[in-house]
């Protein structure tokens, strides 16, 4: 017997893979991947919806599996992770890429709203061997510019 959810039912919101976290090195990123492989942490399985994007905060880490040729079979994987924000071109620091959030003015308000703090996205990806073959996994860490020194310097 199958139960059908009521029409107003919503799937549970996806949570970040980790929160309140600072990834300082490739080893830190690898620990996240290891915890995912062990089932301790969970990957994000789909793009964030509008409520999940609105809940994005500094210290959130979202790890996901890049879409691969096996996606058609498994249905797992995200082609391009998006969180509904505009970002600068990437800047490289060590093995990470950093993107600075760009303020997009409202047509009625050209300046940044009070309390707006620029976020920074830190990305890293790795190829892992699985029973399905090689797959790319990637975590994005979101943080405020105050959380890390300027790109090009140790923070």
Protein backbone atom coordinates (compact mmCIF):
# COMPACT_ATOMS: atom_id res chain seq x y z
CA UNK A 1 0.00 0.00 0.00
CA UNK A 2 1.34 3.42 -0.93
CA UNK A 3 0.49 6.59 0.89
CA UNK A 4 0.17 9.78 -1.06
CA UNK A 5 1.26 12.96 0.70
CA UNK A 6 -1.40 15.65 1.08
CA UNK A 7 -1.39 18.36 -1.64
CA UNK A 8 0.17 20.95 0.70
CA UNK A 9 3.00 18.61 1.70
CA UNK A 10 6.52 19.93 1.14
CA UNK A 11 9.69 17.82 1.17
CA UNK A 12 11.91 18.57 4.16
CA UNK A 13 14.35 21.41 3.62
CA UNK A 14 17.89 20.43 2.78
CA UNK A 15 20.36 21.31 5.46
CA UNK A 16 23.95 22.36 4.81
CA UNK A 17 26.47 19.51 4.97
CA UNK A 18 28.11 21.36 7.89
CA UNK A 19 27.56 24.65 9.68
CA UNK A 20 29.79 27.01 11.66
CA UNK A 21 32.84 25.63 9.93
CA UNK A 22 36.01 27.15 8.51
CA UNK A 23 37.93 25.14 5.93
CA UNK A 24 41.55 26.19 6.30
CA UNK A 25 43.26 23.53 4.20
CA UNK A 26 42.77 20.79 1.63
CA UNK A 27 43.03 18.34 4.53
CA UNK A 28 39.98 19.97 6.13
CA UNK A 29 38.04 19.54 2.86
CA UNK A 30 39.16 15.91 2.63
CA UNK A 31 37.86 15.28 6.15
CA UNK A 32 34.43 16.46 5.01
CA UNK A 33 34.55 14.07 2.04
CA UNK A 34 35.66 11.23 4.32
CA UNK A 35 32.77 11.90 6.72
CA UNK A 36 30.36 11.85 3.78
CA UNK A 37 31.75 8.53 2.54
CA UNK A 38 31.36 7.09 6.06
CA UNK A 39 27.76 8.31 6.28
CA UNK A 40 28.49 10.78 9.09
CA UNK A 41 27.67 13.84 6.96
CA UNK A 42 25.18 14.19 4.11
CA UNK A 43 25.64 15.72 0.69
CA UNK A 44 23.18 18.15 -0.81
CA UNK A 45 21.21 16.17 -3.37
CA UNK A 46 19.56 18.95 -5.37
CA UNK A 47 19.74 22.67 -5.97
CA UNK A 48 18.56 24.81 -3.08
CA UNK A 49 14.99 26.08 -3.18
CA UNK A 50 14.13 29.72 -2.40
CA UNK A 51 13.70 29.14 1.36
CA UNK A 52 16.99 27.23 1.56
CA UNK A 53 18.79 29.98 -0.38
CA UNK A 54 17.35 32.59 2.01
CA UNK A 55 18.68 30.57 4.98
CA UNK A 56 22.24 30.58 3.63
CA UNK A 57 24.58 31.98 6.29
CA UNK A 58 28.25 32.40 6.95
CA UNK A 59 29.96 29.15 7.96
CA UNK A 60 27.62 26.93 5.91
CA UNK A 61 29.27 24.18 3.88
CA UNK A 62 27.38 22.50 1.05
CA UNK A 63 28.96 19.39 -0.47
CA UNK A 64 27.48 17.72 -3.51
CA UNK A 65 28.28 15.25 -6.24
CA UNK A 66 28.76 16.75 -9.66
CA UNK A 67 26.49 15.36 -12.35
CA UNK A 68 28.23 12.47 -14.10
CA UNK A 69 27.40 10.07 -16.94
CA UNK A 70 25.86 7.80 -14.27
CA UNK A 71 23.34 10.50 -13.34
CA UNK A 72 20.85 9.28 -15.91
CA UNK A 73 20.91 5.87 -14.19
CA UNK A 74 21.12 6.93 -10.54
CA UNK A 75 19.41 10.32 -10.64
CA UNK A 76 22.10 11.59 -8.26
CA UNK A 77 24.22 14.64 -8.93
CA UNK A 78 23.95 18.36 -9.48
CA UNK A 79 25.09 19.85 -12.76
CA UNK A 80 25.76 23.30 -11.33
CA UNK A 81 25.22 24.27 -7.71
CA UNK A 82 23.46 27.61 -7.42
CA UNK A 83 22.39 29.61 -4.42
CA UNK A 84 20.71 32.55 -6.09
CA UNK A 85 23.46 35.12 -5.61
CA UNK A 86 25.79 36.98 -7.93
CA UNK A 87 29.51 36.36 -7.54
CA UNK A 88 32.71 37.95 -8.81
CA UNK A 89 35.12 36.12 -11.07
CA UNK A 90 37.07 33.45 -9.22
CA UNK A 91 40.32 34.17 -7.43
CA UNK A 92 42.77 31.41 -6.60
CA UNK A 93 44.34 30.90 -3.19
CA UNK A 94 46.23 27.64 -2.70
CA UNK A 95 43.96 24.88 -4.07
CA UNK A 96 40.74 26.83 -3.50
CA UNK A 97 38.72 29.22 -5.63
CA UNK A 98 37.16 32.23 -3.93
CA UNK A 99 34.21 34.28 -5.19
CA UNK A 100 33.03 37.56 -3.67
CA UNK A 101 29.31 38.30 -3.55
CA UNK A 102 28.28 41.19 -5.77
CA UNK A 103 25.63 43.60 -4.58
CA UNK A 104 22.81 43.85 -7.10
CA UNK A 105 20.93 47.09 -6.46
CA UNK A 106 17.18 47.23 -6.42
CA UNK A 107 15.95 49.69 -9.09
CA UNK A 108 14.51 51.86 -6.27
CA UNK A 109 17.56 51.67 -3.97
CA UNK A 110 21.02 52.03 -5.48
CA UNK A 111 22.97 51.58 -2.25
CA UNK A 112 23.51 48.51 -0.14
CA UNK A 113 20.81 48.03 2.51
CA UNK A 114 21.77 48.54 6.15
CA UNK A 115 23.16 45.34 7.60
CA UNK A 116 24.16 43.86 4.23
CA UNK A 117 27.41 41.97 4.58
CA UNK A 118 29.27 40.67 1.57
CA UNK A 119 29.60 36.90 1.53
CA UNK A 120 32.54 34.96 0.12
CA UNK A 121 32.24 31.54 -1.46
CA UNK A 122 35.19 29.16 -1.13
CA UNK A 123 35.17 26.16 -3.48
CA UNK A 124 37.21 23.01 -3.91
CA UNK A 125 36.54 19.83 -5.83
CA UNK A 126 38.06 16.37 -5.80
CA UNK A 127 37.68 13.20 -7.84
CA UNK A 128 36.85 10.08 -5.82
CA UNK A 129 36.80 6.43 -6.85
CA UNK A 130 33.48 4.76 -6.18
CA UNK A 131 31.85 1.53 -7.24
CA UNK A 132 30.30 3.56 -10.08
CA UNK A 133 33.69 4.86 -11.25
CA UNK A 134 35.35 8.24 -10.84
CA UNK A 135 33.05 10.98 -9.56
CA UNK A 136 33.62 14.60 -8.72
CA UNK A 137 32.58 15.93 -5.31
CA UNK A 138 32.66 19.58 -4.38
CA UNK A 139 32.06 21.53 -1.19
CA UNK A 140 31.25 25.23 -1.19
CA UNK A 141 31.81 27.17 2.00
CA UNK A 142 30.05 30.47 2.46
CA UNK A 143 31.45 33.11 4.80
CA UNK A 144 31.63 36.85 5.39
CA UNK A 145 34.70 38.75 4.28
CA UNK A 146 35.53 39.34 7.96
CA UNK A 147 36.00 35.57 8.46
CA UNK A 148 39.11 35.36 6.30
CA UNK A 149 41.99 37.56 5.27
CA UNK A 150 42.07 39.03 1.78
CA UNK A 151 42.58 36.57 -1.06
CA UNK A 152 46.30 36.15 -1.65
CA UNK A 153 47.16 36.32 2.07
CA UNK A 154 46.94 33.72 4.80
CA UNK A 155 43.80 34.12 6.83
